[in-house]
Amino acid sequence: MIERLHALIAPLTARVSLALRVAILTTAAVAATLTVVSALIFITVRSELQSSLDDSMLRRANTAVASGITQDLINGYPSSLLKLADVKATVLSGRLVFSNQSSKTVA
């Protein structure tokens, strides 16, 4: 098996010096290491970003619930007034979700 493999790569390696073969092998090893490390960093950063976004959305939803604003309360007001009050309203799964950017309370 080994001799068969050696016979297959012999024409390729016969003209290449040992120094060049070592340089190619080293370059390939560094490239593989960088690929693995980059993939791990990407996955870690993506996970942290999603977790942070989830926490932010939950905090904003809890703040909206704690503020006591209901759909009945805002039905009579124009959306421009809500923008002046720094309140954002979004329909999510058929329910109205509110957020106040300046409040920091978390329920």
PDB file of N, CA and C in Angstrom:
ATOM      1  N   MET A   1       0.824  -1.195   0.000  1.00  0.00           N
ATOM      2  CA  MET A   1       0.000   0.000   0.000  1.00  0.00           C
ATOM      3  C   MET A   1       0.872   1.265   0.000  1.00  0.00           C
ATOM      4  N   ILE A   2       1.849   1.272   0.887  1.00  0.00           N
ATOM      5  CA  ILE A   2       2.724   2.442   0.993  1.00  0.00           C
ATOM      6  C   ILE A   2       3.569   2.587  -0.271  1.00  0.00           C
ATOM      7  N   GLU A   3       4.032   1.469  -0.790  1.00  0.00           N
ATOM      8  CA  GLU A   3       4.851   1.533  -1.998  1.00  0.00           C
ATOM      9  C   GLU A   3       4.026   1.994  -3.194  1.00  0.00           C
ATOM     10  N   ARG A   4       2.770   1.616  -3.217  1.00  0.00           N
ATOM     11  CA  ARG A   4       1.886   2.057  -4.299  1.00  0.00           C
ATOM     12  C   ARG A   4       1.677   3.575  -4.223  1.00  0.00           C
ATOM     13  N   LEU A   5       1.458   4.086  -3.012  1.00  0.00           N
ATOM     14  CA  LEU A   5       1.306   5.528  -2.812  1.00  0.00           C
ATOM     15  C   LEU A   5       2.591   6.260  -3.178  1.00  0.00           C
ATOM     16  N   HIS A   6       3.726   5.662  -2.776  1.00  0.00           N
ATOM     17  CA  HIS A   6       5.019   6.265  -3.103  1.00  0.00           C
ATOM     18  C   HIS A   6       5.226   6.326  -4.624  1.00  0.00           C
ATOM     19  N   ALA A   7       4.795   5.292  -5.311  1.00  0.00           N
ATOM     20  CA  ALA A   7       4.940   5.262  -6.767  1.00  0.00           C
ATOM     21  C   ALA A   7       4.057   6.323  -7.436  1.00  0.00           C
ATOM     22  N   LEU A   8       2.904   6.600  -6.828  1.00  0.00           N
ATOM     23  CA  LEU A   8       2.008   7.611  -7.387  1.00  0.00           C
ATOM     24  C   LEU A   8       2.539   9.032  -7.216  1.00  0.00           C
ATOM     25  N   ILE A   9       3.148   9.307  -6.067  1.00  0.00           N
ATOM     26  CA  ILE A   9       3.612  10.679  -5.821  1.00  0.00           C
ATOM     27  C   ILE A   9       5.070  10.893  -6.210  1.00  0.00           C
ATOM     28  N   ALA A  10       5.784   9.836  -6.577  1.00  0.00           N
ATOM     29  CA  ALA A  10       7.202   9.969  -6.938  1.00  0.00           C
ATOM     30  C   ALA A  10       7.430  10.935  -8.093  1.00  0.00           C
ATOM     31  N   PRO A  11       6.615  10.896  -9.154  1.00  0.00           N
ATOM     32  CA  PRO A  11       6.863  11.865 -10.243  1.00  0.00           C
ATOM     33  C   PRO A  11       6.680  13.313  -9.797  1.00  0.00           C
ATOM     34  N   LEU A  12       5.801  13.538  -8.827  1.00  0.00           N
ATOM     35  CA  LEU A  12       5.572  14.908  -8.350  1.00  0.00           C
ATOM     36  C   LEU A  12       6.686  15.391  -7.440  1.00  0.00           C
ATOM     37  N   THR A  13       7.206  14.474  -6.631  1.00  0.00           N
ATOM     38  CA  THR A  13       8.211  14.882  -5.650  1.00  0.00           C
ATOM     39  C   THR A  13       9.639  14.757  -6.151  1.00  0.00           C
ATOM     40  N   ALA A  14       9.838  14.105  -7.271  1.00  0.00           N
ATOM     41  CA  ALA A  14      11.207  13.904  -7.776  1.00  0.00           C
ATOM     42  C   ALA A  14      11.853  15.219  -8.166  1.00  0.00           C
ATOM     43  N   ARG A  15      11.065  16.149  -8.652  1.00  0.00           N
ATOM     44  CA  ARG A  15      11.623  17.417  -9.118  1.00  0.00           C
ATOM     45  C   ARG A  15      11.583  18.513  -8.051  1.00  0.00           C
ATOM     46  N   VAL A  16      10.991  18.210  -6.907  1.00  0.00           N
ATOM     47  CA  VAL A  16      10.829  19.217  -5.865  1.00  0.00           C
ATOM     48  C   VAL A  16      11.823  18.933  -4.741  1.00  0.00           C
ATOM     49  N   SER A  17      12.500  19.985  -4.302  1.00  0.00           N
ATOM     50  CA  SER A  17      13.486  19.798  -3.242  1.00  0.00           C
ATOM     51  C   SER A  17      12.797  19.555  -1.895  1.00  0.00           C
ATOM     52  N   LEU A  18      13.570  19.016  -0.978  1.00  0.00           N
ATOM     53  CA  LEU A  18      13.049  18.741   0.363  1.00  0.00           C
ATOM     54  C   LEU A  18      12.626  20.040   1.051  1.00  0.00           C
ATOM     55  N   ALA A  19      13.384  21.087   0.871  1.00  0.00           N
ATOM     56  CA  ALA A  19      13.060  22.377   1.486  1.00  0.00           C
ATOM     57  C   ALA A  19      11.709  22.902   0.987  1.00  0.00           C
ATOM     58  N   LEU A  20      11.449  22.751  -0.301  1.00  0.00           N
ATOM     59  CA  LEU A  20      10.187  23.209  -0.854  1.00  0.00           C
ATOM     60  C   LEU A  20       9.025  22.353  -0.340  1.00  0.00           C
ATOM     61  N   ARG A  21       9.240  21.054  -0.235  1.00  0.00           N
ATOM     62  CA  ARG A  21       8.197  20.178   0.304  1.00  0.00           C
ATOM     63  C   ARG A  21       7.864  20.536   1.746  1.00  0.00           C
ATOM     64  N   VAL A  22       8.878  20.816   2.544  1.00  0.00           N
ATOM     65  CA  VAL A  22       8.653  21.213   3.942  1.00  0.00           C
ATOM     66  C   VAL A  22       7.922  22.554   3.999  1.00  0.00           C
ATOM     67  N   ALA A  23       8.293  23.475   3.131  1.00  0.00           N
ATOM     68  CA  ALA A  23       7.619  24.777   3.102  1.00  0.00           C
ATOM     69  C   ALA A  23       6.149  24.621   2.725  1.00  0.00           C
ATOM     70  N   ILE A  24       5.849  23.777   1.756  1.00  0.00           N
ATOM     71  CA  ILE A  24       4.458  23.551   1.349  1.00  0.00           C
ATOM     72  C   ILE A  24       3.675  22.895   2.474  1.00  0.00           C
ATOM     73  N   LEU A  25       4.270  21.913   3.116  1.00  0.00           N
ATOM     74  CA  LEU A  25       3.603  21.238   4.234  1.00  0.00           C
ATOM     75  C   LEU A  25       3.346  22.203   5.386  1.00  0.00           C
ATOM     76  N   THR A  26       4.315  23.044   5.694  1.00  0.00           N
ATOM     77  CA  THR A  26       4.148  24.034   6.762  1.00  0.00           C
ATOM     78  C   THR A  26       3.053  25.032   6.418  1.00  0.00           C
ATOM     79  N   THR A  27       3.031  25.491   5.192  1.00  0.00           N
ATOM     80  CA  THR A  27       1.994  26.428   4.747  1.00  0.00           C
ATOM     81  C   THR A  27       0.610  25.804   4.846  1.00  0.00           C
ATOM     82  N   ALA A  28       0.494  24.552   4.436  1.00  0.00           N
ATOM     83  CA  ALA A  28      -0.795  23.855   4.517  1.00  0.00           C
ATOM     84  C   ALA A  28      -1.233  23.691   5.979  1.00  0.00           C
ATOM     85  N   ALA A  29      -0.297  23.379   6.860  1.00  0.00           N
ATOM     86  CA  ALA A  29      -0.628  23.218   8.279  1.00  0.00           C
ATOM     87  C   ALA A  29      -1.089  24.539   8.897  1.00  0.00           C
ATOM     88  N   VAL A  30      -0.414  25.619   8.557  1.00  0.00           N
ATOM     89  CA  VAL A  30      -0.799  26.939   9.069  1.00  0.00           C
ATOM     90  C   VAL A  30      -2.172  27.336   8.533  1.00  0.00           C
ATOM     91  N   ALA A  31      -2.417  27.074   7.249  1.00  0.00           N
ATOM     92  CA  ALA A  31      -3.715  27.404   6.656  1.00  0.00           C
ATOM     93  C   ALA A  31      -4.837  26.613   7.323  1.00  0.00           C
ATOM     94  N   ALA A  32      -4.611  25.343   7.579  1.00  0.00           N
ATOM     95  CA  ALA A  32      -5.627  24.515   8.246  1.00  0.00           C
ATOM     96  C   ALA A  32      -5.885  25.003   9.668  1.00  0.00           C
ATOM     97  N   THR A  33      -4.829  25.359  10.376  1.00  0.00           N
ATOM     98  CA  THR A  33      -4.985  25.866  11.745  1.00  0.00           C
ATOM     99  C   THR A  33      -5.757  27.176  11.753  1.00  0.00           C
ATOM    100  N   LEU A  34      -5.427  28.091  10.858  1.00  0.00           N
ATOM    101  CA  LEU A  34      -6.137  29.361  10.787  1.00  0.00           C
ATOM    102  C   LEU A  34      -7.608  29.169  10.427  1.00  0.00           C
ATOM    103  N   THR A  35      -7.894  28.222   9.571  1.00  0.00           N
ATOM    104  CA  THR A  35      -9.277  27.941   9.194  1.00  0.00           C
ATOM    105  C   THR A  35     -10.076  27.456  10.393  1.00  0.00           C
ATOM    106  N   VAL A  36      -9.516  26.529  11.148  1.00  0.00           N
ATOM    107  CA  VAL A  36     -10.214  25.991  12.325  1.00  0.00           C
ATOM    108  C   VAL A  36     -10.406  27.076  13.381  1.00  0.00           C
ATOM    109  N   VAL A  37      -9.370  27.852  13.661  1.00  0.00           N
ATOM    110  CA  VAL A  37      -9.463  28.907  14.673  1.00  0.00           C
ATOM    111  C   VAL A  37     -10.471  29.973  14.244  1.00  0.00           C
ATOM    112  N   SER A  38     -10.450  30.353  12.980  1.00  0.00           N
ATOM    113  CA  SER A  38     -11.408  31.354  12.489  1.00  0.00           C
ATOM    114  C   SER A  38     -12.839  30.852  12.602  1.00  0.00           C
ATOM    115  N   ALA A  39     -13.060  29.593  12.280  1.00  0.00           N
ATOM    116  CA  ALA A  39     -14.408  29.032  12.395  1.00  0.00           C
ATOM    117  C   ALA A  39     -14.869  29.018  13.852  1.00  0.00           C
ATOM    118  N   LEU A  40     -13.994  28.669  14.769  1.00  0.00           N
ATOM    119  CA  LEU A  40     -14.354  28.661  16.193  1.00  0.00           C
ATOM    120  C   LEU A  40     -14.657  30.068  16.703  1.00  0.00           C
ATOM    121  N   ILE A  41     -13.869  31.033  16.296  1.00  0.00           N
ATOM    122  CA  ILE A  41     -14.113  32.422  16.705  1.00  0.00           C
ATOM    123  C   ILE A  41     -15.436  32.909  16.139  1.00  0.00           C
ATOM    124  N   PHE A  42     -15.714  32.610  14.880  1.00  0.00           N
ATOM    125  CA  PHE A  42     -16.972  33.018  14.262  1.00  0.00           C
ATOM    126  C   PHE A  42     -18.163  32.433  15.013  1.00  0.00           C
ATOM    127  N   ILE A  43     -18.116  31.160  15.320  1.00  0.00           N
ATOM    128  CA  ILE A  43     -19.225  30.509  16.021  1.00  0.00           C
ATOM    129  C   ILE A  43     -19.413  31.108  17.410  1.00  0.00           C
ATOM    130  N   THR A  44     -18.327  31.369  18.110  1.00  0.00           N
ATOM    131  CA  THR A  44     -18.410  31.947  19.452  1.00  0.00           C
ATOM    132  C   THR A  44     -18.998  33.355  19.418  1.00  0.00           C
ATOM    133  N   VAL A  45     -18.511  34.189  18.524  1.00  0.00           N
ATOM    134  CA  VAL A  45     -19.003  35.568  18.431  1.00  0.00           C
ATOM    135  C   VAL A  45     -20.465  35.592  18.005  1.00  0.00           C
ATOM    136  N   ARG A  46     -20.844  34.743  17.053  1.00  0.00           N
ATOM    137  CA  ARG A  46     -22.237  34.680  16.615  1.00  0.00           C
ATOM    138  C   ARG A  46     -23.158  34.265  17.762  1.00  0.00           C
ATOM    139  N   SER A  47     -22.719  33.295  18.547  1.00  0.00           N
ATOM    140  CA  SER A  47     -23.523  32.835  19.681  1.00  0.00           C
ATOM    141  C   SER A  47     -23.683  33.938  20.731  1.00  0.00           C
ATOM    142  N   GLU A  48     -22.604  34.635  21.031  1.00  0.00           N
ATOM    143  CA  GLU A  48     -22.671  35.731  22.013  1.00  0.00           C
ATOM    144  C   GLU A  48     -23.560  36.863  21.517  1.00  0.00           C
ATOM    145  N   LEU A  49     -23.474  37.183  20.244  1.00  0.00           N
ATOM    146  CA  LEU A  49     -24.294  38.249  19.676  1.00  0.00           C
ATOM    147  C   LEU A  49     -25.770  37.885  19.734  1.00  0.00           C
ATOM    148  N   GLN A  50     -26.107  36.657  19.387  1.00  0.00           N
ATOM    149  CA  GLN A  50     -27.503  36.222  19.450  1.00  0.00           C
ATOM    150  C   GLN A  50     -28.010  36.222  20.880  1.00  0.00           C
ATOM    151  N   SER A  51     -27.178  35.798  21.818  1.00  0.00           N
ATOM    152  CA  SER A  51     -27.566  35.790  23.232  1.00  0.00           C
ATOM    153  C   SER A  51     -27.803  37.213  23.724  1.00  0.00           C
ATOM    154  N   SER A  52     -26.931  38.130  23.331  1.00  0.00           N
ATOM    155  CA  SER A  52     -27.074  39.528  23.727  1.00  0.00           C
ATOM    156  C   SER A  52     -28.346  40.127  23.140  1.00  0.00           C
ATOM    157  N   LEU A  53     -28.630  39.793  21.887  1.00  0.00           N
ATOM    158  CA  LEU A  53     -29.837  40.295  21.243  1.00  0.00           C
ATOM    159  C   LEU A  53     -31.082  39.734  21.925  1.00  0.00           C
ATOM    160  N   ASP A  54     -31.062  38.455  22.266  1.00  0.00           N
ATOM    161  CA  ASP A  54     -32.189  37.847  22.964  1.00  0.00           C
ATOM    162  C   ASP A  54     -32.419  38.516  24.318  1.00  0.00           C
ATOM    163  N   ASP A  55     -31.332  38.771  25.060  1.00  0.00           N
ATOM    164  CA  ASP A  55     -31.451  39.436  26.360  1.00  0.00           C
ATOM    165  C   ASP A  55     -32.014  40.843  26.206  1.00  0.00           C
ATOM    166  N   SER A  56     -31.560  41.563  25.173  1.00  0.00           N
ATOM    167  CA  SER A  56     -32.038  42.919  24.935  1.00  0.00           C
ATOM    168  C   SER A  56     -33.524  42.919  24.596  1.00  0.00           C
ATOM    169  N   MET A  57     -33.935  41.989  23.757  1.00  0.00           N
ATOM    170  CA  MET A  57     -35.349  41.925  23.385  1.00  0.00           C
ATOM    171  C   MET A  57     -36.215  41.569  24.599  1.00  0.00           C
ATOM    172  N   LEU A  58     -35.741  40.648  25.424  1.00  0.00           N
ATOM    173  CA  LEU A  58     -36.487  40.267  26.620  1.00  0.00           C
ATOM    174  C   LEU A  58     -36.579  41.438  27.592  1.00  0.00           C
ATOM    175  N   ARG A  59     -35.488  42.168  27.764  1.00  0.00           N
ATOM    176  CA  ARG A  59     -35.486  43.330  28.663  1.00  0.00           C
ATOM    177  C   ARG A  59     -36.468  44.396  28.163  1.00  0.00           C
ATOM    178  N   ARG A  60     -36.487  44.634  26.856  1.00  0.00           N
ATOM    179  CA  ARG A  60     -37.402  45.631  26.296  1.00  0.00           C
ATOM    180  C   ARG A  60     -38.859  45.189  26.444  1.00  0.00           C
ATOM    181  N   ALA A  61     -39.115  43.904  26.244  1.00  0.00           N
ATOM    182  CA  ALA A  61     -40.483  43.397  26.396  1.00  0.00           C
ATOM    183  C   ALA A  61     -40.942  43.504  27.849  1.00  0.00           C
ATOM    184  N   ASN A  62     -40.070  43.163  28.785  1.00  0.00           N
ATOM    185  CA  ASN A  62     -40.419  43.279  30.207  1.00  0.00           C
ATOM    186  C   ASN A  62     -40.666  44.727  30.605  1.00  0.00           C
ATOM    187  N   THR A  63     -39.887  45.634  30.057  1.00  0.00           N
ATOM    188  CA  THR A  63     -40.078  47.053  30.324  1.00  0.00           C
ATOM    189  C   THR A  63     -41.421  47.528  29.802  1.00  0.00           C
ATOM    190  N   ALA A  64     -41.777  47.049  28.611  1.00  0.00           N
ATOM    191  CA  ALA A  64     -43.062  47.440  28.027  1.00  0.00           C
ATOM    192  C   ALA A  64     -44.218  46.930  28.863  1.00  0.00           C
ATOM    193  N   VAL A  65     -44.121  45.699  29.336  1.00  0.00           N
ATOM    194  CA  VAL A  65     -45.185  45.147  30.173  1.00  0.00           C
ATOM    195  C   VAL A  65     -45.275  45.909  31.487  1.00  0.00           C
ATOM    196  N   ALA A  66     -44.125  46.235  32.070  1.00  0.00           N
ATOM    197  CA  ALA A  66     -44.113  46.947  33.353  1.00  0.00           C
ATOM    198  C   ALA A  66     -44.614  48.387  33.218  1.00  0.00           C
ATOM    199  N   SER A  67     -44.530  48.965  32.027  1.00  0.00           N
ATOM    200  CA  SER A  67     -44.944  50.358  31.860  1.00  0.00           C
ATOM    201  C   SER A  67     -46.458  50.528  31.884  1.00  0.00           C
ATOM    202  N   GLY A  68     -47.190  49.440  31.666  1.00  0.00           N
ATOM    203  CA  GLY A  68     -48.644  49.506  31.757  1.00  0.00           C
ATOM    204  C   GLY A  68     -49.326  50.032  30.514  1.00  0.00           C
ATOM    205  N   ILE A  69     -48.614  50.211  29.430  1.00  0.00           N
ATOM    206  CA  ILE A  69     -49.230  50.678  28.188  1.00  0.00           C
ATOM    207  C   ILE A  69     -50.007  49.521  27.577  1.00  0.00           C
ATOM    208  N   THR A  70     -51.238  49.756  27.234  1.00  0.00           N
ATOM    209  CA  THR A  70     -52.061  48.720  26.602  1.00  0.00           C
ATOM    210  C   THR A  70     -52.500  49.187  25.220  1.00  0.00           C
ATOM    211  N   GLN A  71     -53.046  48.264  24.452  1.00  0.00           N
ATOM    212  CA  GLN A  71     -53.501  48.612  23.115  1.00  0.00           C
ATOM    213  C   GLN A  71     -54.654  49.606  23.186  1.00  0.00           C
ATOM    214  N   ASP A  72     -55.536  49.460  24.169  1.00  0.00           N
ATOM    215  CA  ASP A  72     -56.648  50.393  24.325  1.00  0.00           C
ATOM    216  C   ASP A  72     -56.147  51.809  24.592  1.00  0.00           C
ATOM    217  N   LEU A  73     -55.062  51.906  25.329  1.00  0.00           N
ATOM    218  CA  LEU A  73     -54.513  53.221  25.671  1.00  0.00           C
ATOM    219  C   LEU A  73     -53.955  53.935  24.444  1.00  0.00           C
ATOM    220  N   ILE A  74     -53.309  53.199  23.540  1.00  0.00           N
ATOM    221  CA  ILE A  74     -52.668  53.880  22.405  1.00  0.00           C
ATOM    222  C   ILE A  74     -53.557  53.969  21.174  1.00  0.00           C
ATOM    223  N   ASN A  75     -54.708  53.303  21.152  1.00  0.00           N
ATOM    224  CA  ASN A  75     -55.560  53.347  19.969  1.00  0.00           C
ATOM    225  C   ASN A  75     -56.020  54.762  19.636  1.00  0.00           C
ATOM    226  N   GLY A  76     -56.187  55.602  20.626  1.00  0.00           N
ATOM    227  CA  GLY A  76     -56.666  56.955  20.380  1.00  0.00           C
ATOM    228  C   GLY A  76     -55.578  57.950  20.041  1.00  0.00           C
ATOM    229  N   TYR A  77     -54.302  57.562  20.125  1.00  0.00           N
ATOM    230  CA  TYR A  77     -53.200  58.491  19.894  1.00  0.00           C
ATOM    231  C   TYR A  77     -52.551  58.233  18.540  1.00  0.00           C
ATOM    232  N   PRO A  78     -52.141  59.281  17.846  1.00  0.00           N
ATOM    233  CA  PRO A  78     -51.442  59.085  16.565  1.00  0.00           C
ATOM    234  C   PRO A  78     -50.027  58.518  16.803  1.00  0.00           C
ATOM    235  N   SER A  79     -49.490  57.843  15.802  1.00  0.00           N
ATOM    236  CA  SER A  79     -48.171  57.221  15.949  1.00  0.00           C
ATOM    237  C   SER A  79     -47.067  58.263  16.134  1.00  0.00           C
ATOM    238  N   SER A  80     -47.260  59.482  15.613  1.00  0.00           N
ATOM    239  CA  SER A  80     -46.238  60.520  15.785  1.00  0.00           C
ATOM    240  C   SER A  80     -46.082  60.903  17.258  1.00  0.00           C
ATOM    241  N   LEU A  81     -47.170  60.850  18.017  1.00  0.00           N
ATOM    242  CA  LEU A  81     -47.088  61.145  19.443  1.00  0.00           C
ATOM    243  C   LEU A  81     -46.299  60.064  20.173  1.00  0.00           C
ATOM    244  N   LEU A  82     -46.479  58.814  19.760  1.00  0.00           N
ATOM    245  CA  LEU A  82     -45.705  57.729  20.365  1.00  0.00           C
ATOM    246  C   LEU A  82     -44.217  57.885  20.063  1.00  0.00           C
ATOM    247  N   LYS A  83     -43.888  58.351  18.873  1.00  0.00           N
ATOM    248  CA  LYS A  83     -42.483  58.567  18.526  1.00  0.00           C
ATOM    249  C   LYS A  83     -41.872  59.673  19.389  1.00  0.00           C
ATOM    250  N   LEU A  84     -42.643  60.713  19.656  1.00  0.00           N
ATOM    251  CA  LEU A  84     -42.159  61.792  20.519  1.00  0.00           C
ATOM    252  C   LEU A  84     -41.905  61.294  21.937  1.00  0.00           C
ATOM    253  N   ALA A  85     -42.715  60.339  22.375  1.00  0.00           N
ATOM    254  CA  ALA A  85     -42.562  59.788  23.726  1.00  0.00           C
ATOM    255  C   ALA A  85     -41.512  58.687  23.774  1.00  0.00           C
ATOM    256  N   ASP A  86     -40.836  58.441  22.664  1.00  0.00           N
ATOM    257  CA  ASP A  86     -39.793  57.415  22.573  1.00  0.00           C
ATOM    258  C   ASP A  86     -40.359  56.028  22.854  1.00  0.00           C
ATOM    259  N   VAL A  87     -41.557  55.768  22.358  1.00  0.00           N
ATOM    260  CA  VAL A  87     -42.189  54.459  22.505  1.00  0.00           C
ATOM    261  C   VAL A  87     -42.271  53.826  21.130  1.00  0.00           C
ATOM    262  N   LYS A  88     -41.794  52.598  21.027  1.00  0.00           N
ATOM    263  CA  LYS A  88     -41.880  51.867  19.775  1.00  0.00           C
ATOM    264  C   LYS A  88     -42.904  50.762  19.950  1.00  0.00           C
ATOM    265  N   ALA A  89     -43.817  50.635  19.013  1.00  0.00           N
ATOM    266  CA  ALA A  89     -44.844  49.602  19.056  1.00  0.00           C
ATOM    267  C   ALA A  89     -44.690  48.710  17.841  1.00  0.00           C
ATOM    268  N   THR A  90     -44.727  47.409  18.062  1.00  0.00           N
ATOM    269  CA  THR A  90     -44.583  46.434  17.000  1.00  0.00           C
ATOM    270  C   THR A  90     -45.607  45.328  17.194  1.00  0.00           C
ATOM    271  N   VAL A  91     -46.178  44.846  16.095  1.00  0.00           N
ATOM    272  CA  VAL A  91     -47.090  43.714  16.176  1.00  0.00           C
ATOM    273  C   VAL A  91     -46.271  42.448  16.011  1.00  0.00           C
ATOM    274  N   LEU A  92     -46.333  41.568  17.002  1.00  0.00           N
ATOM    275  CA  LEU A  92     -45.561  40.346  17.004  1.00  0.00           C
ATOM    276  C   LEU A  92     -46.491  39.193  17.334  1.00  0.00           C
ATOM    277  N   SER A  93     -46.667  38.282  16.404  1.00  0.00           N
ATOM    278  CA  SER A  93     -47.561  37.125  16.567  1.00  0.00           C
ATOM    279  C   SER A  93     -48.967  37.560  16.956  1.00  0.00           C
ATOM    280  N   GLY A  94     -49.463  38.602  16.330  1.00  0.00           N
ATOM    281  CA  GLY A  94     -50.821  39.063  16.592  1.00  0.00           C
ATOM    282  C   GLY A  94     -50.966  39.892  17.845  1.00  0.00           C
ATOM    283  N   ARG A  95     -49.889  40.094  18.599  1.00  0.00           N
ATOM    284  CA  ARG A  95     -49.946  40.896  19.830  1.00  0.00           C
ATOM    285  C   ARG A  95     -49.089  42.136  19.652  1.00  0.00           C
ATOM    286  N   LEU A  96     -49.494  43.207  20.282  1.00  0.00           N
ATOM    287  CA  LEU A  96     -48.771  44.468  20.192  1.00  0.00           C
ATOM    288  C   LEU A  96     -47.686  44.487  21.262  1.00  0.00           C
ATOM    289  N   VAL A  97     -46.455  44.753  20.864  1.00  0.00           N
ATOM    290  CA  VAL A  97     -45.325  44.795  21.783  1.00  0.00           C
ATOM    291  C   VAL A  97     -44.808  46.224  21.809  1.00  0.00           C
ATOM    292  N   PHE A  98     -44.534  46.737  23.005  1.00  0.00           N
ATOM    293  CA  PHE A  98     -44.080  48.115  23.178  1.00  0.00           C
ATOM    294  C   PHE A  98     -42.674  48.137  23.749  1.00  0.00           C
ATOM    295  N   SER A  99     -41.991  49.245  23.476  1.00  0.00           N
ATOM    296  CA  SER A  99     -40.669  49.436  24.049  1.00  0.00           C
ATOM    297  C   SER A  99     -40.435  50.913  24.278  1.00  0.00           C
ATOM    298  N   ASN A 100     -39.803  51.210  25.399  1.00  0.00           N
ATOM    299  CA  ASN A 100     -39.400  52.570  25.707  1.00  0.00           C
ATOM    300  C   ASN A 100     -37.890  52.555  25.846  1.00  0.00           C
ATOM    301  N   GLN A 101     -37.185  53.218  24.953  1.00  0.00           N
ATOM    302  CA  GLN A 101     -35.732  53.171  24.896  1.00  0.00           C
ATOM    303  C   GLN A 101     -35.057  53.702  26.164  1.00  0.00           C
ATOM    304  N   SER A 102     -35.670  54.685  26.811  1.00  0.00           N
ATOM    305  CA  SER A 102     -34.992  55.334  27.926  1.00  0.00           C
ATOM    306  C   SER A 102     -35.181  54.601  29.252  1.00  0.00           C
ATOM    307  N   SER A 103     -36.174  53.707  29.363  1.00  0.00           N
ATOM    308  CA  SER A 103     -36.390  53.009  30.626  1.00  0.00           C
ATOM    309  C   SER A 103     -35.421  51.865  30.788  1.00  0.00           C
ATOM    310  N   LYS A 104     -35.047  51.560  32.012  1.00  0.00           N
ATOM    311  CA  LYS A 104     -34.053  50.547  32.274  1.00  0.00           C
ATOM    312  C   LYS A 104     -34.554  49.474  33.228  1.00  0.00           C
ATOM    313  N   THR A 105     -35.813  49.454  33.553  1.00  0.00           N
ATOM    314  CA  THR A 105     -36.323  48.466  34.492  1.00  0.00           C
ATOM    315  C   THR A 105     -36.491  47.120  33.786  1.00  0.00           C
ATOM    316  N   VAL A 106     -36.195  46.051  34.493  1.00  0.00           N
ATOM    317  CA  VAL A 106     -36.362  44.703  33.971  1.00  0.00           C
ATOM    318  C   VAL A 106     -37.229  43.939  34.948  1.00  0.00           C
ATOM    319  N   ALA A 107     -38.306  43.376  34.427  1.00  0.00           N
ATOM    320  CA  ALA A 107     -39.202  42.619  35.298  1.00  0.00           C
ATOM    321  C   ALA A 107     -38.729  41.202  35.438  1.00  0.00           C
TER     322      ALA A 107
END
